[in-house]
Amino acid sequence: MGASNKNAQDNIQPKGNKKPLQVLHISKKDSQKINNEQNNSQEDINKKNIAIKPQIIKDNSVKEIEDSNEKTKDFDISQQDLTQQDLNRPLNFSEQNIDFQLERTVDEFDFDESAFLEALNANEPIGATGETISGKVIAIESDGLYVDIGGKAPGYMPKKECGLGVITNFKEKFSIGLEMEVLVIKEQNADGMVTVSARALILRQSWEKVSSSAKNGELINVLINGFNRGGLTCDVDGLRGFIPRSQLEDGQDYQSFVGKNIKVAFLEVNPESRKLVLSEKKASLVSKLSSLELGQLIEGEVLAVKPYGFFIDLGGASGLLHQSSLTNGSIRSLREVFREGEIIKALISEIDLEKGRIGLNTALLENSAGELIIDKQKVMQEATERALKTKALFDKKEQDR
């Protein structure tokens, strides 16, 4: 066997051209030198950046904000010198030499208030719905006419609103310059024009007239112009009136009334629902009531006893003797005073023509409270003389009306 060569490893050559790795030894002095060079290089870069940084130009508004911030900062610093006692003490602005003044300067946006209000009034729309306005006809068309009502635009009146019924001679009835009162039925449109009506104004005035007549208990004569299953129809100042068959003196052959005039009273007047009901029977009653006077002594038969009083027949009309007007004394039952079919005397204390009602009174015939209960016969026998004593009372009541 051959002997081993201890230097065999030293004699081994690396394959190829590769060189062995070499370790670079850097001293501490060299490391510091490198760091210094890097720092110097970074400083040179920063200097270059600063050199090329654009200059910021501040305008006046920015300067004012910064100045304000500086003042606020100075104020905050000065407040740090305050003691705790000063902080607890309430602020007194009178001790500071600071004047707070509010100064108003006039610029191009200021305006005269009176001129502004005058301009508003000048342009205020004319003609609210339901308003009555006087105007003048300024133009006539085939379907209506235009009325000057004092606004920025004229009012328009459709042909059907120019009057009641059918108008045949339209252009002859309305001429340029004709003055008339109209009622606004529709407020202005985008052009500032309102719709007006003469017909609506006539109807409003008619309702006001019949309402006043009904309140005063007036009677009117009407011409019957038609009939239906329920009664008769008529015209009252342009309004359609209705007379039920039950309100006719003779309702059997009611169709024969067409074309005739009859006297009627107002039974119901309602402008909102346009309801106008008349009565021939009530007209007869009102005719009888109109002959009566307050304080007049009447004689009649007790028709019925109700919980609240007595109904007395006055010959075609009935009067109510209410329990409050029966006696000045206290009673347990109305029947202990009067009964059905009994003939009594009483004073007329109320006449309501609108409702067709008569109010009666017997308490005024008593000389003492409850006398009618104690001695009813005596009160009835002396009723005529006692009624004279109360005449002055009713005369005063009539004057107060």
Protein backbone atom coordinates (compact mmCIF):
# COMPACT_ATOMS: atom_id res chain seq x y z
CA MET A 1 0.00 0.00 0.00
CA GLY A 2 1.26 3.42 -0.72
CA ALA A 3 1.93 5.86 2.05
CA SER A 4 -0.54 8.73 2.54
CA ASN A 5 0.45 12.20 1.60
CA LYS A 6 -0.34 14.72 4.34
CA ASN A 7 -0.03 17.56 1.88
CA ALA A 8 -2.63 16.04 -0.43
CA GLN A 9 -5.18 18.64 0.40
CA ASP A 10 -2.71 21.42 -0.17
CA ASN A 11 -1.98 20.02 -3.58
CA ILE A 12 -5.69 19.94 -4.65
CA GLN A 13 -6.35 22.57 -7.34
CA PRO A 14 -9.83 24.15 -7.77
CA LYS A 15 -11.63 23.26 -10.96
CA GLY A 16 -12.29 25.95 -13.47
CA ASN A 17 -11.19 29.61 -13.35
CA LYS A 18 -13.11 30.61 -10.17
CA LYS A 19 -11.16 32.53 -7.63
CA PRO A 20 -11.71 32.02 -3.92
CA LEU A 21 -13.79 34.61 -2.02
CA GLN A 22 -11.86 37.37 -0.39
CA VAL A 23 -12.92 39.04 2.89
CA LEU A 24 -12.71 42.84 2.83
CA HIS A 25 -11.44 44.21 6.11
CA ILE A 26 -12.55 47.80 6.78
CA SER A 27 -11.10 49.67 9.65
CA LYS A 28 -13.14 51.87 12.05
CA LYS A 29 -11.48 54.97 10.67
CA ASP A 30 -12.59 54.10 7.16
CA SER A 31 -16.21 53.48 8.33
CA GLN A 32 -16.45 56.96 9.85
CA LYS A 33 -15.10 58.41 6.64
CA ILE A 34 -17.84 56.72 4.62
CA ASN A 35 -20.60 57.95 6.99
CA ASN A 36 -19.30 61.49 6.74
CA GLU A 37 -19.31 61.33 2.98
CA GLN A 38 -22.96 60.09 3.01
CA ASN A 39 -24.06 62.85 5.36
CA ASN A 40 -22.30 65.47 3.24
CA SER A 41 -24.00 64.09 0.17
CA GLN A 42 -27.46 64.23 1.86
CA GLU A 43 -26.84 67.84 2.98
CA ASP A 44 -25.91 68.80 -0.56
CA ILE A 45 -29.21 67.28 -1.78
CA ASN A 46 -31.25 69.21 0.87
CA LYS A 47 -29.48 72.45 -0.05
CA LYS A 48 -30.33 71.88 -3.67
CA ASN A 49 -33.98 71.26 -2.75
CA ILE A 50 -34.10 74.43 -0.70
CA ALA A 51 -32.51 76.35 -3.52
CA ILE A 52 -35.20 75.29 -5.98
CA LYS A 53 -38.18 75.65 -3.54
CA PRO A 54 -40.63 78.33 -4.91
CA GLN A 55 -41.23 81.42 -2.90
CA ILE A 56 -44.71 81.66 -1.32
CA ILE A 57 -46.39 85.04 -1.90
CA LYS A 58 -49.00 85.93 0.71
CA ASP A 59 -51.86 88.23 -0.16
CA ASN A 60 -53.43 90.74 2.20
CA SER A 61 -56.27 88.41 3.36
CA VAL A 62 -53.76 85.72 4.44
CA LYS A 63 -51.64 88.30 6.26
CA GLU A 64 -54.73 89.58 8.10
CA ILE A 65 -55.60 86.04 9.24
CA GLU A 66 -52.04 85.44 10.44
CA ASP A 67 -51.98 88.78 12.27
CA SER A 68 -55.28 87.86 13.91
CA ASN A 69 -53.87 84.50 14.98
CA GLU A 70 -50.78 86.21 16.42
CA LYS A 71 -52.96 88.55 18.44
CA THR A 72 -55.02 85.64 19.72
CA LYS A 73 -51.81 83.81 20.65
CA ASP A 74 -50.54 86.88 22.54
CA PHE A 75 -53.89 87.13 24.30
CA ASP A 76 -53.71 83.46 25.35
CA ILE A 77 -50.15 83.94 26.66
CA SER A 78 -51.15 87.03 28.62
CA GLN A 79 -54.00 85.10 30.20
CA GLN A 80 -51.51 82.62 31.63
CA ASP A 81 -50.23 85.35 33.97
CA LEU A 82 -53.66 85.68 35.63
CA THR A 83 -53.91 84.41 39.19
CA GLN A 84 -56.57 82.01 40.38
CA GLN A 85 -58.27 84.93 42.19
CA ASP A 86 -58.50 86.88 38.96
CA LEU A 87 -60.06 83.90 37.22
CA ASN A 88 -62.76 83.57 39.89
CA ARG A 89 -63.63 87.25 39.70
CA PRO A 90 -66.49 88.00 37.22
CA LEU A 91 -65.56 89.86 34.09
CA ASN A 92 -66.25 93.59 34.01
CA PHE A 93 -65.98 95.00 30.55
CA SER A 94 -66.22 98.55 31.90
CA GLU A 95 -62.71 98.15 33.34
CA GLN A 96 -61.28 97.54 29.89
CA ASN A 97 -60.60 100.42 27.59
CA ILE A 98 -62.35 98.72 24.69
CA ASP A 99 -65.08 100.47 22.72
CA PHE A 100 -67.49 98.19 20.87
CA GLN A 101 -69.08 100.19 18.10
CA LEU A 102 -71.36 98.98 15.37
CA GLU A 103 -70.99 101.13 12.32
CA ARG A 104 -73.31 100.82 9.33
CA THR A 105 -72.03 102.05 6.03
CA VAL A 106 -74.17 102.85 3.02
CA ASP A 107 -73.35 100.96 -0.12
CA GLU A 108 -74.98 100.32 -3.46
CA PHE A 109 -77.18 97.56 -1.96
CA ASP A 110 -79.08 99.98 0.34
CA PHE A 111 -82.62 101.03 -0.67
CA ASP A 112 -85.38 103.37 0.42
CA GLU A 113 -87.91 101.39 2.49
CA SER A 114 -90.83 103.73 1.72
CA ALA A 115 -90.09 103.49 -2.00
CA PHE A 116 -89.93 99.72 -1.69
CA LEU A 117 -93.34 99.53 0.02
CA GLU A 118 -94.81 101.89 -2.55
CA ALA A 119 -93.55 99.64 -5.33
CA LEU A 120 -95.13 96.63 -3.65
CA ASN A 121 -98.49 98.38 -3.36
CA ALA A 122 -98.30 99.44 -6.99
CA ASN A 123 -97.85 95.83 -8.09
CA GLU A 124 -100.32 94.34 -5.61
CA PRO A 125 -102.81 92.13 -7.44
CA ILE A 126 -106.31 93.54 -7.75
CA GLY A 127 -109.30 91.29 -7.45
CA ALA A 128 -109.51 88.60 -4.80
CA THR A 129 -112.15 85.92 -5.25
CA GLY A 130 -115.51 87.18 -3.95
CA GLU A 131 -114.55 90.84 -4.19
CA THR A 132 -116.92 93.37 -5.79
CA ILE A 133 -115.19 95.83 -8.15
CA SER A 134 -116.42 98.71 -10.30
CA GLY A 135 -115.13 98.66 -13.87
CA LYS A 136 -115.62 99.87 -17.41
CA VAL A 137 -116.07 97.83 -20.59
CA ILE A 138 -113.05 98.32 -22.88
CA ALA A 139 -113.44 95.53 -25.45
CA ILE A 140 -116.17 93.20 -26.70
CA GLU A 141 -115.56 89.79 -28.22
CA SER A 142 -117.92 87.14 -29.51
CA ASP A 143 -117.40 84.93 -26.43
CA GLY A 144 -117.20 87.64 -23.77
CA LEU A 145 -115.94 91.09 -22.92
CA TYR A 146 -113.04 92.79 -21.15
CA VAL A 147 -113.54 95.12 -18.20
CA ASP A 148 -110.99 97.61 -16.92
CA ILE A 149 -110.87 97.10 -13.14
CA GLY A 150 -107.80 99.22 -12.42
CA GLY A 151 -105.23 96.41 -12.40
CA LYS A 152 -102.22 95.77 -14.59
CA ALA A 153 -104.49 93.64 -16.77
CA PRO A 154 -108.24 93.88 -17.52
CA GLY A 155 -110.80 91.47 -16.16
CA TYR A 156 -112.39 88.96 -18.51
CA MET A 157 -116.12 88.21 -18.37
CA PRO A 158 -117.37 85.16 -20.28
CA LYS A 159 -120.62 85.64 -22.15
CA LYS A 160 -122.54 83.29 -19.83
CA GLU A 161 -121.50 85.42 -16.85
CA CYS A 162 -122.80 88.69 -18.30
CA GLY A 163 -126.32 88.30 -16.89
CA LEU A 164 -129.16 85.99 -15.92
CA GLY A 165 -130.68 83.75 -18.55
CA VAL A 166 -129.83 83.79 -22.24
CA ILE A 167 -128.62 87.14 -23.62
CA THR A 168 -129.67 87.50 -27.25
CA ASN A 169 -128.67 91.13 -27.94
CA PHE A 170 -125.20 90.84 -26.44
CA LYS A 171 -123.40 93.64 -28.31
CA GLU A 172 -126.37 95.97 -28.01
CA LYS A 173 -126.67 95.51 -24.24
CA PHE A 174 -122.95 96.03 -23.59
CA SER A 175 -121.14 98.93 -25.23
CA ILE A 176 -117.60 100.31 -24.94
CA GLY A 177 -117.31 102.61 -21.91
CA LEU A 178 -120.26 101.05 -20.05
CA GLU A 179 -119.64 101.24 -16.29
CA MET A 180 -120.72 98.25 -14.25
CA GLU A 181 -120.09 96.38 -11.02
CA VAL A 182 -118.72 92.88 -11.24
CA LEU A 183 -117.80 90.07 -8.86
CA VAL A 184 -114.41 88.35 -9.07
CA ILE A 185 -115.02 84.62 -9.47
CA LYS A 186 -111.46 83.54 -10.32
CA GLU A 187 -108.17 85.12 -9.24
CA GLN A 188 -105.55 86.31 -11.70
CA ASN A 189 -103.69 83.95 -13.98
CA ALA A 190 -100.05 84.11 -15.07
CA ASP A 191 -100.84 87.18 -17.19
CA GLY A 192 -102.40 89.01 -14.25
CA MET A 193 -105.96 88.70 -15.62
CA VAL A 194 -108.91 87.85 -13.37
CA THR A 195 -112.29 86.38 -14.33
CA VAL A 196 -115.28 88.51 -13.35
CA SER A 197 -119.04 87.99 -13.43
CA ALA A 198 -122.10 90.22 -13.45
CA ARG A 199 -124.38 87.19 -13.08
CA ALA A 200 -122.73 86.04 -9.83
CA LEU A 201 -123.07 89.54 -8.39
CA ILE A 202 -126.80 89.65 -9.24
CA LEU A 203 -127.34 86.29 -7.56
CA ARG A 204 -125.43 87.35 -4.46
CA GLN A 205 -127.53 90.49 -4.17
CA SER A 206 -130.69 88.40 -4.64
CA TRP A 207 -129.73 86.04 -1.79
CA GLU A 208 -129.03 89.02 0.46
CA LYS A 209 -132.43 90.47 -0.40
CA VAL A 210 -134.47 87.31 0.24
CA SER A 211 -132.55 86.64 3.48
CA SER A 212 -133.51 90.08 4.74
CA SER A 213 -137.14 89.58 3.65
CA ALA A 214 -137.32 86.20 5.43
CA LYS A 215 -135.88 87.69 8.63
CA ASN A 216 -138.51 90.44 8.60
CA GLY A 217 -141.31 87.97 7.91
CA GLU A 218 -142.26 89.59 4.61
CA LEU A 219 -144.71 88.01 2.18
CA ILE A 220 -144.15 88.00 -1.57
CA ASN A 221 -146.19 87.19 -4.66
CA VAL A 222 -144.60 84.68 -7.05
CA LEU A 223 -145.50 83.41 -10.50
CA ILE A 224 -145.63 79.62 -10.69
CA ASN A 225 -143.60 78.56 -13.76
CA GLY A 226 -143.43 74.79 -13.33
CA PHE A 227 -144.15 71.73 -11.22
CA ASN A 228 -142.68 68.35 -10.38
CA ARG A 229 -143.70 65.39 -8.29
CA GLY A 230 -142.92 67.18 -5.03
CA GLY A 231 -144.47 70.58 -5.64
CA LEU A 232 -144.27 73.83 -7.59
CA THR A 233 -141.37 75.94 -8.86
CA CYS A 234 -141.13 79.69 -9.24
CA ASP A 235 -138.62 82.50 -9.78
CA VAL A 236 -137.67 84.92 -6.99
CA ASP A 237 -135.30 87.71 -8.13
CA GLY A 238 -133.45 85.32 -10.40
CA LEU A 239 -133.40 82.52 -7.83
CA ARG A 240 -135.24 79.23 -8.23
CA GLY A 241 -137.84 78.80 -5.49
CA PHE A 242 -139.66 75.62 -4.52
CA ILE A 243 -143.09 75.24 -2.86
CA PRO A 244 -143.75 71.72 -1.46
CA ARG A 245 -147.22 70.31 -1.94
CA SER A 246 -147.60 70.08 1.83
CA GLN A 247 -147.18 73.85 2.08
CA LEU A 248 -150.08 74.63 -0.26
CA GLU A 249 -153.54 75.46 1.05
CA ASP A 250 -154.92 72.99 -1.51
CA GLY A 251 -152.33 70.55 -2.74
CA GLN A 252 -154.66 68.13 -4.51
CA ASP A 253 -154.68 69.74 -7.96
CA TYR A 254 -151.41 71.60 -7.62
CA GLN A 255 -150.58 71.42 -11.37
CA SER A 256 -153.35 73.95 -11.99
CA PHE A 257 -151.29 76.63 -10.20
CA VAL A 258 -148.85 76.91 -13.15
CA GLY A 259 -149.10 80.38 -14.67
CA LYS A 260 -150.82 81.83 -11.58
CA ASN A 261 -149.61 84.20 -8.86
CA ILE A 262 -149.85 83.15 -5.20
CA LYS A 263 -148.73 84.77 -1.95
CA VAL A 264 -146.03 82.88 -0.07
CA ALA A 265 -143.73 83.27 2.90
CA PHE A 266 -140.11 82.17 3.24
CA LEU A 267 -139.78 78.77 4.87
CA GLU A 268 -136.03 78.16 4.34
CA VAL A 269 -133.33 80.40 2.88
CA ASN A 270 -129.86 78.85 2.52
CA PRO A 271 -127.41 80.63 0.14
CA GLU A 272 -124.66 78.03 0.74
CA SER A 273 -126.77 75.12 -0.50
CA ARG A 274 -128.81 77.39 -2.81
CA LYS A 275 -131.98 76.19 -1.17
CA LEU A 276 -135.01 78.46 -1.26
CA VAL A 277 -138.24 76.92 0.10
CA LEU A 278 -141.52 78.86 0.23
CA SER A 279 -144.88 78.22 1.87
CA GLU A 280 -148.43 79.34 1.14
CA LYS A 281 -149.67 78.08 4.52
CA LYS A 282 -147.08 80.10 6.40
CA ALA A 283 -148.12 83.17 4.43
CA SER A 284 -151.65 82.76 5.80
CA LEU A 285 -150.26 82.39 9.31
CA VAL A 286 -148.02 85.43 8.98
CA SER A 287 -150.97 87.45 7.71
CA LYS A 288 -152.79 86.63 10.94
CA LEU A 289 -149.72 87.32 13.07
CA SER A 290 -149.24 90.71 11.48
CA SER A 291 -152.58 91.80 12.95
CA LEU A 292 -151.41 90.95 16.48
CA GLU A 293 -149.53 93.25 18.88
CA LEU A 294 -147.25 92.76 21.85
CA GLY A 295 -149.17 92.98 25.11
CA GLN A 296 -152.46 92.15 23.41
CA LEU A 297 -154.82 89.95 25.45
CA ILE A 298 -156.04 86.93 23.49
CA GLU A 299 -158.41 84.09 24.21
CA GLY A 300 -157.88 80.56 22.97
CA GLU A 301 -158.29 76.86 23.57
CA VAL A 302 -155.60 74.63 25.04
CA LEU A 303 -154.70 72.26 22.22
CA ALA A 304 -152.00 70.19 23.90
CA VAL A 305 -150.02 69.92 27.12
CA LYS A 306 -146.29 69.31 26.66
CA PRO A 307 -143.55 68.87 29.29
CA TYR A 308 -142.38 72.43 28.54
CA GLY A 309 -145.75 74.21 28.26
CA PHE A 310 -149.12 74.56 26.51
CA PHE A 311 -150.08 75.06 22.86
CA ILE A 312 -153.02 77.46 22.51
CA ASP A 313 -155.24 77.69 19.41
CA LEU A 314 -155.64 81.32 18.31
CA GLY A 315 -157.98 80.71 15.37
CA GLY A 316 -155.77 79.38 12.57
CA ALA A 317 -152.52 80.01 14.44
CA SER A 318 -151.13 78.51 17.60
CA GLY A 319 -149.24 80.15 20.44
CA LEU A 320 -146.89 78.64 23.02
CA LEU A 321 -147.41 79.29 26.73
CA HIS A 322 -144.08 78.18 28.13
CA GLN A 323 -143.87 76.92 31.71
CA SER A 324 -141.46 79.75 32.58
CA SER A 325 -144.19 82.27 31.62
CA LEU A 326 -147.06 80.41 33.30
CA THR A 327 -146.87 81.64 36.90
CA ASN A 328 -144.47 83.29 39.34
CA GLY A 329 -145.19 80.53 41.86
CA SER A 330 -143.86 77.00 41.95
CA ILE A 331 -145.89 74.13 40.53
CA ARG A 332 -145.57 70.36 40.64
CA SER A 333 -147.39 69.61 37.37
CA LEU A 334 -148.62 71.72 34.45
CA ARG A 335 -151.93 69.91 34.50
CA GLU A 336 -152.81 71.34 37.89
CA VAL A 337 -153.09 74.73 36.15
CA PHE A 338 -154.66 74.08 32.72
CA ARG A 339 -155.97 71.04 30.84
CA GLU A 340 -156.67 70.20 27.16
CA GLY A 341 -159.81 71.85 25.76
CA GLU A 342 -159.88 74.56 28.44
CA ILE A 343 -160.48 78.15 27.28
CA ILE A 344 -157.95 80.58 28.76
CA LYS A 345 -156.78 84.18 28.41
CA ALA A 346 -153.14 85.18 27.98
CA LEU A 347 -150.94 88.08 26.94
CA ILE A 348 -148.92 88.04 23.70
CA SER A 349 -145.30 88.42 24.84
CA GLU A 350 -143.48 87.52 21.59
CA ILE A 351 -144.17 87.64 17.85
CA ASP A 352 -141.61 86.00 15.55
CA LEU A 353 -142.75 86.47 11.97
CA GLU A 354 -139.72 84.68 10.52
CA LYS A 355 -140.46 81.46 12.44
CA GLY A 356 -144.22 82.02 12.54
CA ARG A 357 -144.22 81.73 16.34
CA ILE A 358 -146.28 83.45 19.04
CA GLY A 359 -145.20 83.51 22.67
CA LEU A 360 -147.82 83.82 25.43
CA ASN A 361 -147.67 84.83 29.10
CA THR A 362 -150.09 84.46 32.06
CA ALA A 363 -147.64 85.19 34.90
CA LEU A 364 -147.93 88.94 34.17
CA LEU A 365 -151.67 88.74 34.97
CA GLU A 366 -150.96 87.72 38.60
CA ASN A 367 -151.07 90.29 41.41
CA SER A 368 -149.06 87.97 43.65
CA ALA A 369 -146.78 85.01 43.06
CA GLY A 370 -148.72 81.77 42.52
CA GLU A 371 -152.13 83.51 42.37
CA LEU A 372 -152.99 81.61 39.19
CA ILE A 373 -152.64 78.33 41.09
CA ILE A 374 -154.60 79.49 44.14
CA ASP A 375 -157.44 81.39 42.39
CA LYS A 376 -157.28 80.79 38.65
CA GLN A 377 -160.90 81.85 38.07
CA LYS A 378 -160.36 85.31 39.56
CA VAL A 379 -157.27 85.91 37.43
CA MET A 380 -159.15 84.98 34.25
CA GLN A 381 -162.16 87.18 35.12
CA GLU A 382 -159.97 90.24 35.79
CA ALA A 383 -157.60 89.55 32.89
CA THR A 384 -158.82 92.51 30.78
CA GLU A 385 -158.25 95.09 33.55
CA ARG A 386 -154.93 93.57 34.57
CA ALA A 387 -153.72 93.56 30.95
CA LEU A 388 -154.03 97.36 30.85
CA LYS A 389 -151.50 97.65 33.67
CA THR A 390 -148.90 95.76 31.65
CA LYS A 391 -149.35 97.81 28.47
CA ALA A 392 -146.65 100.29 29.42
CA LEU A 393 -144.21 97.41 29.90
CA PHE A 394 -144.80 96.09 26.37
CA ASP A 395 -144.76 99.58 24.85
CA LYS A 396 -141.24 100.04 26.28
CA LYS A 397 -140.21 96.64 24.97
CA GLU A 398 -141.47 97.58 21.50
CA GLN A 399 -139.51 100.85 21.57
CA ASP A 400 -136.33 99.02 22.54
CA ARG A 401 -136.67 96.85 19.44
